PDB file of all heavy atoms in Angstrom:
ATOM      1  N   TYR A   1      19.341  19.415 -45.480  1.00  0.00           N
ATOM      2  CA  TYR A   1      19.725  18.020 -45.249  1.00  0.00           C
ATOM      3  C   TYR A   1      19.223  17.531 -43.888  1.00  0.00           C
ATOM      4  O   TYR A   1      18.677  16.434 -43.767  1.00  0.00           O
ATOM      5  CB  TYR A   1      21.247  17.866 -45.351  1.00  0.00           C
ATOM      6  CG  TYR A   1      21.719  16.458 -45.093  1.00  0.00           C
ATOM      7  CD1 TYR A   1      21.505  15.451 -46.025  1.00  0.00           C
ATOM      8  CD2 TYR A   1      22.379  16.136 -43.906  1.00  0.00           C
ATOM      9  CE1 TYR A   1      21.938  14.154 -45.784  1.00  0.00           C
ATOM     10  CE2 TYR A   1      22.808  14.847 -43.656  1.00  0.00           C
ATOM     11  CZ  TYR A   1      22.589  13.857 -44.600  1.00  0.00           C
ATOM     12  OH  TYR A   1      23.004  12.575 -44.353  1.00  0.00           O
ATOM     13  N   VAL A   2      19.389  18.353 -42.869  1.00  0.00           N
ATOM     14  CA  VAL A   2      18.929  17.996 -41.518  1.00  0.00           C
ATOM     15  C   VAL A   2      17.404  17.892 -41.501  1.00  0.00           C
ATOM     16  O   VAL A   2      16.847  16.973 -40.884  1.00  0.00           O
ATOM     17  CB  VAL A   2      19.441  19.007 -40.467  1.00  0.00           C
ATOM     18  CG1 VAL A   2      18.834  18.749 -39.099  1.00  0.00           C
ATOM     19  CG2 VAL A   2      20.962  18.966 -40.392  1.00  0.00           C
ATOM     20  N   LEU A   3      16.722  18.802 -42.180  1.00  0.00           N
ATOM     21  CA  LEU A   3      15.263  18.740 -42.255  1.00  0.00           C
ATOM     22  C   LEU A   3      14.804  17.423 -42.886  1.00  0.00           C
ATOM     23  O   LEU A   3      13.843  16.797 -42.416  1.00  0.00           O
ATOM     24  CB  LEU A   3      14.710  19.925 -43.043  1.00  0.00           C
ATOM     25  CG  LEU A   3      14.764  21.276 -42.338  1.00  0.00           C
ATOM     26  CD1 LEU A   3      14.410  22.393 -43.306  1.00  0.00           C
ATOM     27  CD2 LEU A   3      13.833  21.291 -41.141  1.00  0.00           C
ATOM     28  N   GLN A   4      15.502  16.983 -43.911  1.00  0.00           N
ATOM     29  CA  GLN A   4      15.163  15.718 -44.564  1.00  0.00           C
ATOM     30  C   GLN A   4      15.382  14.546 -43.611  1.00  0.00           C
ATOM     31  O   GLN A   4      14.543  13.653 -43.519  1.00  0.00           O
ATOM     32  CB  GLN A   4      16.009  15.536 -45.829  1.00  0.00           C
ATOM     33  CG  GLN A   4      15.715  14.273 -46.597  1.00  0.00           C
ATOM     34  CD  GLN A   4      16.610  14.128 -47.831  1.00  0.00           C
ATOM     35  OE1 GLN A   4      17.478  14.955 -48.089  1.00  0.00           O
ATOM     36  NE2 GLN A   4      16.384  13.077 -48.586  1.00  0.00           N
ATOM     37  N   LEU A   5      16.507  14.543 -42.900  1.00  0.00           N
ATOM     38  CA  LEU A   5      16.775  13.480 -41.929  1.00  0.00           C
ATOM     39  C   LEU A   5      15.714  13.449 -40.832  1.00  0.00           C
ATOM     40  O   LEU A   5      15.207  12.376 -40.469  1.00  0.00           O
ATOM     41  CB  LEU A   5      18.154  13.659 -41.292  1.00  0.00           C
ATOM     42  CG  LEU A   5      19.362  13.365 -42.160  1.00  0.00           C
ATOM     43  CD1 LEU A   5      20.638  13.695 -41.396  1.00  0.00           C
ATOM     44  CD2 LEU A   5      19.372  11.913 -42.600  1.00  0.00           C
ATOM     45  N   MET A   6      15.394  14.611 -40.316  1.00  0.00           N
ATOM     46  CA  MET A   6      14.417  14.679 -39.219  1.00  0.00           C
ATOM     47  C   MET A   6      13.025  14.270 -39.702  1.00  0.00           C
ATOM     48  O   MET A   6      12.258  13.671 -38.949  1.00  0.00           O
ATOM     49  CB  MET A   6      14.392  16.077 -38.602  1.00  0.00           C
ATOM     50  CG  MET A   6      15.699  16.494 -37.932  1.00  0.00           C
ATOM     51  SD  MET A   6      16.387  15.301 -36.762  1.00  0.00           S
ATOM     52  CE  MET A   6      15.136  15.293 -35.507  1.00  0.00           C
ATOM     53  N   ALA A   7      12.698  14.558 -40.961  1.00  0.00           N
ATOM     54  CA  ALA A   7      11.401  14.138 -41.508  1.00  0.00           C
ATOM     55  C   ALA A   7      11.309  12.618 -41.508  1.00  0.00           C
ATOM     56  O   ALA A   7      10.265  12.049 -41.142  1.00  0.00           O
ATOM     57  CB  ALA A   7      11.212  14.692 -42.921  1.00  0.00           C
ATOM     58  N   GLY A   8      12.387  11.939 -41.887  1.00  0.00           N
ATOM     59  CA  GLY A   8      12.407  10.478 -41.863  1.00  0.00           C
ATOM     60  C   GLY A   8      12.279   9.923 -40.457  1.00  0.00           C
ATOM     61  O   GLY A   8      11.535   8.960 -40.210  1.00  0.00           O
ATOM     62  N   ILE A   9      12.995  10.528 -39.527  1.00  0.00           N
ATOM     63  CA  ILE A   9      12.919  10.107 -38.124  1.00  0.00           C
ATOM     64  C   ILE A   9      11.508  10.298 -37.599  1.00  0.00           C
ATOM     65  O   ILE A   9      10.934   9.407 -36.955  1.00  0.00           O
ATOM     66  CB  ILE A   9      13.945  10.887 -37.266  1.00  0.00           C
ATOM     67  CG1 ILE A   9      15.365  10.435 -37.611  1.00  0.00           C
ATOM     68  CG2 ILE A   9      13.649  10.739 -35.772  1.00  0.00           C
ATOM     69  CD1 ILE A   9      16.455  11.317 -37.053  1.00  0.00           C
ATOM     70  N   ASN A  10      10.919  11.436 -37.881  1.00  0.00           N
ATOM     71  CA  ASN A  10       9.571  11.722 -37.372  1.00  0.00           C
ATOM     72  C   ASN A  10       8.500  10.882 -38.052  1.00  0.00           C
ATOM     73  O   ASN A  10       7.473  10.566 -37.442  1.00  0.00           O
ATOM     74  CB  ASN A  10       9.279  13.218 -37.447  1.00  0.00           C
ATOM     75  CG  ASN A  10      10.015  13.972 -36.361  1.00  0.00           C
ATOM     76  OD1 ASN A  10      10.167  13.484 -35.244  1.00  0.00           O
ATOM     77  ND2 ASN A  10      10.502  15.155 -36.684  1.00  0.00           N
ATOM     78  N   GLN A  11       8.747  10.485 -39.276  1.00  0.00           N
ATOM     79  CA  GLN A  11       7.818   9.567 -39.947  1.00  0.00           C
ATOM     80  C   GLN A  11       7.813   8.221 -39.215  1.00  0.00           C
ATOM     81  O   GLN A  11       6.754   7.651 -38.954  1.00  0.00           O
ATOM     82  CB  GLN A  11       8.229   9.386 -41.403  1.00  0.00           C
ATOM     83  CG  GLN A  11       7.255   8.588 -42.230  1.00  0.00           C
ATOM     84  CD  GLN A  11       7.680   8.533 -43.691  1.00  0.00           C
ATOM     85  OE1 GLN A  11       8.860   8.679 -44.022  1.00  0.00           O
ATOM     86  NE2 GLN A  11       6.718   8.332 -44.565  1.00  0.00           N
ATOM     87  N   ALA A  12       8.984   7.735 -38.859  1.00  0.00           N
ATOM     88  CA  ALA A  12       9.080   6.477 -38.109  1.00  0.00           C
ATOM     89  C   ALA A  12       8.464   6.627 -36.720  1.00  0.00           C
ATOM     90  O   ALA A  12       7.793   5.714 -36.222  1.00  0.00           O
ATOM     91  CB  ALA A  12      10.540   6.038 -38.004  1.00  0.00           C
ATOM     92  N   ARG A  13       8.674   7.767 -36.083  1.00  0.00           N
ATOM     93  CA  ARG A  13       8.094   8.008 -34.752  1.00  0.00           C
ATOM     94  C   ARG A  13       6.565   8.036 -34.825  1.00  0.00           C
ATOM     95  O   ARG A  13       5.886   7.542 -33.933  1.00  0.00           O
ATOM     96  CB  ARG A  13       8.629   9.314 -34.164  1.00  0.00           C
ATOM     97  CG  ARG A  13      10.111   9.240 -33.783  1.00  0.00           C
ATOM     98  CD  ARG A  13      10.621  10.566 -33.247  1.00  0.00           C
ATOM     99  NE  ARG A  13       9.976  10.933 -31.999  1.00  0.00           N
ATOM    100  CZ  ARG A  13      10.340  10.515 -30.788  1.00  0.00           C
ATOM    101  NH1 ARG A  13      11.375   9.704 -30.665  1.00  0.00           N
ATOM    102  NH2 ARG A  13       9.694  10.916 -29.712  1.00  0.00           N
ATOM    103  N   ALA A  14       6.016   8.615 -35.896  1.00  0.00           N
ATOM    104  CA  ALA A  14       4.563   8.697 -36.059  1.00  0.00           C
ATOM    105  C   ALA A  14       3.947   7.295 -36.149  1.00  0.00           C
ATOM    106  O   ALA A  14       2.852   7.056 -35.619  1.00  0.00           O
ATOM    107  CB  ALA A  14       4.213   9.515 -37.288  1.00  0.00           C
ATOM    108  N   LEU A  15       4.650   6.373 -36.785  1.00  0.00           N
ATOM    109  CA  LEU A  15       4.150   4.996 -36.888  1.00  0.00           C
ATOM    110  C   LEU A  15       4.053   4.322 -35.517  1.00  0.00           C
ATOM    111  O   LEU A  15       3.262   3.388 -35.339  1.00  0.00           O
ATOM    112  CB  LEU A  15       5.058   4.165 -37.804  1.00  0.00           C
ATOM    113  CG  LEU A  15       5.067   4.575 -39.281  1.00  0.00           C
ATOM    114  CD1 LEU A  15       6.119   3.796 -40.048  1.00  0.00           C
ATOM    115  CD2 LEU A  15       3.682   4.394 -39.898  1.00  0.00           C
ATOM    116  N   ARG A  16       4.842   4.805 -34.572  1.00  0.00           N
ATOM    117  CA  ARG A  16       4.813   4.266 -33.197  1.00  0.00           C
ATOM    118  C   ARG A  16       4.014   5.170 -32.263  1.00  0.00           C
ATOM    119  O   ARG A  16       4.118   5.044 -31.045  1.00  0.00           O
ATOM    120  CB  ARG A  16       6.245   4.102 -32.677  1.00  0.00           C
ATOM    121  CG  ARG A  16       7.066   3.092 -33.467  1.00  0.00           C
ATOM    122  CD  ARG A  16       8.413   2.809 -32.817  1.00  0.00           C
ATOM    123  NE  ARG A  16       9.196   3.993 -32.549  1.00  0.00           N
ATOM    124  CZ  ARG A  16      10.186   4.453 -33.298  1.00  0.00           C
ATOM    125  NH1 ARG A  16      10.525   3.835 -34.403  1.00  0.00           N
ATOM    126  NH2 ARG A  16      10.855   5.535 -32.956  1.00  0.00           N
ATOM    127  N   ASN A  17       3.282   6.117 -32.831  1.00  0.00           N
ATOM    128  CA  ASN A  17       2.485   7.081 -32.057  1.00  0.00           C
ATOM    129  C   ASN A  17       3.343   7.881 -31.074  1.00  0.00           C
ATOM    130  O   ASN A  17       2.913   8.179 -29.966  1.00  0.00           O
ATOM    131  CB  ASN A  17       1.344   6.378 -31.314  1.00  0.00           C
ATOM    132  CG  ASN A  17       0.318   5.818 -32.276  1.00  0.00           C
ATOM    133  OD1 ASN A  17      -0.043   6.478 -33.249  1.00  0.00           O
ATOM    134  ND2 ASN A  17      -0.129   4.603 -32.022  1.00  0.00           N
ATOM    135  N   GLU A  18       4.557   8.234 -31.499  1.00  0.00           N
ATOM    136  CA  GLU A  18       5.456   9.050 -30.682  1.00  0.00           C
ATOM    137  C   GLU A  18       5.454  10.488 -31.200  1.00  0.00           C
ATOM    138  O   GLU A  18       5.230  10.734 -32.392  1.00  0.00           O
ATOM    139  CB  GLU A  18       6.879   8.483 -30.707  1.00  0.00           C
ATOM    140  CG  GLU A  18       6.986   7.112 -30.082  1.00  0.00           C
ATOM    141  CD  GLU A  18       8.383   6.516 -30.199  1.00  0.00           C
ATOM    142  OE1 GLU A  18       9.256   7.107 -30.880  1.00  0.00           O
ATOM    143  OE2 GLU A  18       8.592   5.451 -29.625  1.00  0.00           O
ATOM    144  N   GLU A  19       5.695  11.417 -30.301  1.00  0.00           N
ATOM    145  CA  GLU A  19       5.749  12.844 -30.649  1.00  0.00           C
ATOM    146  C   GLU A  19       6.926  13.113 -31.586  1.00  0.00           C
ATOM    147  O   GLU A  19       7.982  12.492 -31.472  1.00  0.00           O
ATOM    148  CB  GLU A  19       5.920  13.690 -29.385  1.00  0.00           C
ATOM    149  CG  GLU A  19       4.741  13.633 -28.432  1.00  0.00           C
ATOM    150  CD  GLU A  19       3.517  14.336 -28.994  1.00  0.00           C
ATOM    151  OE1 GLU A  19       3.667  15.405 -29.622  1.00  0.00           O
ATOM    152  OE2 GLU A  19       2.407  13.802 -28.812  1.00  0.00           O
ATOM    153  N   PRO A  20       6.776  14.069 -32.499  1.00  0.00           N
ATOM    154  CA  PRO A  20       7.912  14.443 -33.355  1.00  0.00           C
ATOM    155  C   PRO A  20       9.002  15.133 -32.529  1.00  0.00           C
ATOM    156  O   PRO A  20       8.738  15.681 -31.462  1.00  0.00           O
ATOM    157  CB  PRO A  20       7.294  15.408 -34.367  1.00  0.00           C
ATOM    158  CG  PRO A  20       6.038  15.890 -33.742  1.00  0.00           C
ATOM    159  CD  PRO A  20       5.575  14.823 -32.796  1.00  0.00           C
ATOM    160  N   VAL A  21      10.218  15.073 -33.035  1.00  0.00           N
ATOM    161  CA  VAL A  21      11.358  15.692 -32.355  1.00  0.00           C
ATOM    162  C   VAL A  21      12.054  16.655 -33.306  1.00  0.00           C
ATOM    163  O   VAL A  21      11.929  16.549 -34.521  1.00  0.00           O
ATOM    164  CB  VAL A  21      12.363  14.630 -31.842  1.00  0.00           C
ATOM    165  CG1 VAL A  21      11.752  13.789 -30.740  1.00  0.00           C
ATOM    166  CG2 VAL A  21      12.859  13.753 -32.974  1.00  0.00           C
ATOM    167  N   GLU A  22      12.807  17.595 -32.726  1.00  0.00           N
ATOM    168  CA  GLU A  22      13.629  18.526 -33.486  1.00  0.00           C
ATOM    169  C   GLU A  22      15.082  18.101 -33.385  1.00  0.00           C
ATOM    170  O   GLU A  22      15.471  17.378 -32.474  1.00  0.00           O
ATOM    171  CB  GLU A  22      13.522  19.940 -32.908  1.00  0.00           C
ATOM    172  CG  GLU A  22      12.240  20.657 -33.207  1.00  0.00           C
ATOM    173  CD  GLU A  22      12.327  22.104 -32.772  1.00  0.00           C
ATOM    174  OE1 GLU A  22      12.442  22.352 -31.557  1.00  0.00           O
ATOM    175  OE2 GLU A  22      12.284  22.967 -33.657  1.00  0.00           O
ATOM    176  N   PHE A  23      15.892  18.601 -34.289  1.00  0.00           N
ATOM    177  CA  PHE A  23      17.329  18.336 -34.236  1.00  0.00           C
ATOM    178  C   PHE A  23      17.928  18.930 -32.971  1.00  0.00           C
ATOM    179  O   PHE A  23      17.601  20.048 -32.579  1.00  0.00           O
ATOM    180  CB  PHE A  23      18.043  18.964 -35.449  1.00  0.00           C
ATOM    181  CG  PHE A  23      19.532  18.919 -35.321  1.00  0.00           C
ATOM    182  CD1 PHE A  23      20.231  17.802 -35.712  1.00  0.00           C
ATOM    183  CD2 PHE A  23      20.228  19.987 -34.756  1.00  0.00           C
ATOM    184  CE1 PHE A  23      21.610  17.738 -35.555  1.00  0.00           C
ATOM    185  CE2 PHE A  23      21.603  19.944 -34.606  1.00  0.00           C
ATOM    186  CZ  PHE A  23      22.291  18.812 -35.009  1.00  0.00           C
ATOM    187  N   ASP A  24      18.822  18.197 -32.342  1.00  0.00           N
ATOM    188  CA  ASP A  24      19.640  18.687 -31.232  1.00  0.00           C
ATOM    189  C   ASP A  24      21.044  18.133 -31.396  1.00  0.00           C
ATOM    190  O   ASP A  24      21.226  16.977 -31.800  1.00  0.00           O
ATOM    191  CB  ASP A  24      19.100  18.218 -29.873  1.00  0.00           C
ATOM    192  CG  ASP A  24      17.916  19.021 -29.396  1.00  0.00           C
ATOM    193  OD1 ASP A  24      17.944  20.254 -29.523  1.00  0.00           O
ATOM    194  OD2 ASP A  24      16.955  18.406 -28.902  1.00  0.00           O
ATOM    195  N   TYR A  25      22.043  18.948 -31.073  1.00  0.00           N
ATOM    196  CA  TYR A  25      23.393  18.425 -30.905  1.00  0.00           C
ATOM    197  C   TYR A  25      23.377  17.604 -29.630  1.00  0.00           C
ATOM    198  O   TYR A  25      22.743  17.996 -28.638  1.00  0.00           O
ATOM    199  CB  TYR A  25      24.402  19.570 -30.734  1.00  0.00           C
ATOM    200  CG  TYR A  25      24.699  20.373 -31.973  1.00  0.00           C
ATOM    201  CD1 TYR A  25      24.316  21.707 -32.061  1.00  0.00           C
ATOM    202  CD2 TYR A  25      25.403  19.821 -33.036  1.00  0.00           C
ATOM    203  CE1 TYR A  25      24.621  22.476 -33.177  1.00  0.00           C
ATOM    204  CE2 TYR A  25      25.708  20.589 -34.162  1.00  0.00           C
ATOM    205  CZ  TYR A  25      25.317  21.909 -34.221  1.00  0.00           C
ATOM    206  OH  TYR A  25      25.621  22.664 -35.323  1.00  0.00           O
ATOM    207  N   LEU A  26      24.096  16.483 -29.614  1.00  0.00           N
ATOM    208  CA  LEU A  26      24.068  15.605 -28.455  1.00  0.00           C
ATOM    209  C   LEU A  26      25.466  15.263 -27.961  1.00  0.00           C
ATOM    210  O   LEU A  26      26.415  15.202 -28.738  1.00  0.00           O
ATOM    211  CB  LEU A  26      23.355  14.288 -28.793  1.00  0.00           C
ATOM    212  CG  LEU A  26      21.886  14.385 -29.179  1.00  0.00           C
ATOM    213  CD1 LEU A  26      21.366  13.026 -29.613  1.00  0.00           C
ATOM    214  CD2 LEU A  26      21.071  14.928 -28.025  1.00  0.00           C
ATOM    215  N   LEU A  27      25.551  15.013 -26.668  1.00  0.00           N
ATOM    216  CA  LEU A  27      26.716  14.408 -26.027  1.00  0.00           C
ATOM    217  C   LEU A  27      26.214  13.100 -25.442  1.00  0.00           C
ATOM    218  O   LEU A  27      25.274  13.102 -24.633  1.00  0.00           O
ATOM    219  CB  LEU A  27      27.278  15.308 -24.918  1.00  0.00           C
ATOM    220  CG  LEU A  27      28.311  14.674 -23.984  1.00  0.00           C
ATOM    221  CD1 LEU A  27      29.567  14.276 -24.735  1.00  0.00           C
ATOM    222  CD2 LEU A  27      28.654  15.626 -22.855  1.00  0.00           C
ATOM    223  N   LEU A  28      26.801  12.000 -25.867  1.00  0.00           N
ATOM    224  CA  LEU A  28      26.392  10.668 -25.416  1.00  0.00           C
ATOM    225  C   LEU A  28      27.581   9.945 -24.812  1.00  0.00           C
ATOM    226  O   LEU A  28      28.725  10.257 -25.127  1.00  0.00           O
ATOM    227  CB  LEU A  28      25.905   9.833 -26.618  1.00  0.00           C
ATOM    228  CG  LEU A  28      24.885  10.461 -27.545  1.00  0.00           C
ATOM    229  CD1 LEU A  28      24.833   9.703 -28.860  1.00  0.00           C
ATOM    230  CD2 LEU A  28      23.537  10.462 -26.878  1.00  0.00           C
ATOM    231  N   CYS A  29      27.309   8.939 -23.987  1.00  0.00           N
ATOM    232  CA  CYS A  29      28.372   8.027 -23.565  1.00  0.00           C
ATOM    233  C   CYS A  29      28.343   6.868 -24.550  1.00  0.00           C
ATOM    234  O   CYS A  29      27.315   6.236 -24.755  1.00  0.00           O
ATOM    235  CB  CYS A  29      28.169   7.528 -22.141  1.00  0.00           C
ATOM    236  SG  CYS A  29      29.536   6.441 -21.636  1.00  0.00           S
ATOM    237  N   ASN A  30      29.493   6.602 -25.172  1.00  0.00           N
ATOM    238  CA  ASN A  30      29.590   5.592 -26.212  1.00  0.00           C
ATOM    239  C   ASN A  30      30.262   4.310 -25.719  1.00  0.00           C
ATOM    240  O   ASN A  30      30.781   3.548 -26.497  1.00  0.00           O
ATOM    241  CB  ASN A  30      30.360   6.185 -27.396  1.00  0.00           C
ATOM    242  CG  ASN A  30      30.090   5.461 -28.687  1.00  0.00           C
ATOM    243  OD1 ASN A  30      29.037   4.882 -28.860  1.00  0.00           O
ATOM    244  ND2 ASN A  30      31.048   5.504 -29.588  1.00  0.00           N
ATOM    245  N   LYS A  31      30.268   4.102 -24.411  1.00  0.00           N
ATOM    246  CA  LYS A  31      30.789   2.870 -23.814  1.00  0.00           C
ATOM    247  C   LYS A  31      29.659   2.225 -23.031  1.00  0.00           C
ATOM    248  O   LYS A  31      28.818   2.901 -22.473  1.00  0.00           O
ATOM    249  CB  LYS A  31      31.936   3.161 -22.835  1.00  0.00           C
ATOM    250  CG  LYS A  31      33.205   3.628 -23.461  1.00  0.00           C
ATOM    251  CD  LYS A  31      34.194   2.498 -23.546  1.00  0.00           C
ATOM    252  CE  LYS A  31      35.565   3.003 -23.928  1.00  0.00           C
ATOM    253  NZ  LYS A  31      35.900   2.759 -25.295  1.00  0.00           N
ATOM    254  N   ILE A  32      29.672   0.914 -22.978  1.00  0.00           N
ATOM    255  CA  ILE A  32      28.724   0.221 -22.109  1.00  0.00           C
ATOM    256  C   ILE A  32      29.370   0.256 -20.722  1.00  0.00           C
ATOM    257  O   ILE A  32      30.201  -0.574 -20.379  1.00  0.00           O
ATOM    258  CB  ILE A  32      28.477  -1.226 -22.582  1.00  0.00           C
ATOM    259  CG1 ILE A  32      28.047  -1.254 -24.042  1.00  0.00           C
ATOM    260  CG2 ILE A  32      27.459  -1.916 -21.682  1.00  0.00           C
ATOM    261  CD1 ILE A  32      26.775  -0.470 -24.350  1.00  0.00           C
TER     262      ILE A  32
END
């Protein structure tokens, strides 16, 4: 499932000439 999600993300990145990325767990700040 993650491979499928990342394939979609990387397909969109390729259209913008961006490097592909791998899955990472993330910690984000969710407040402005």
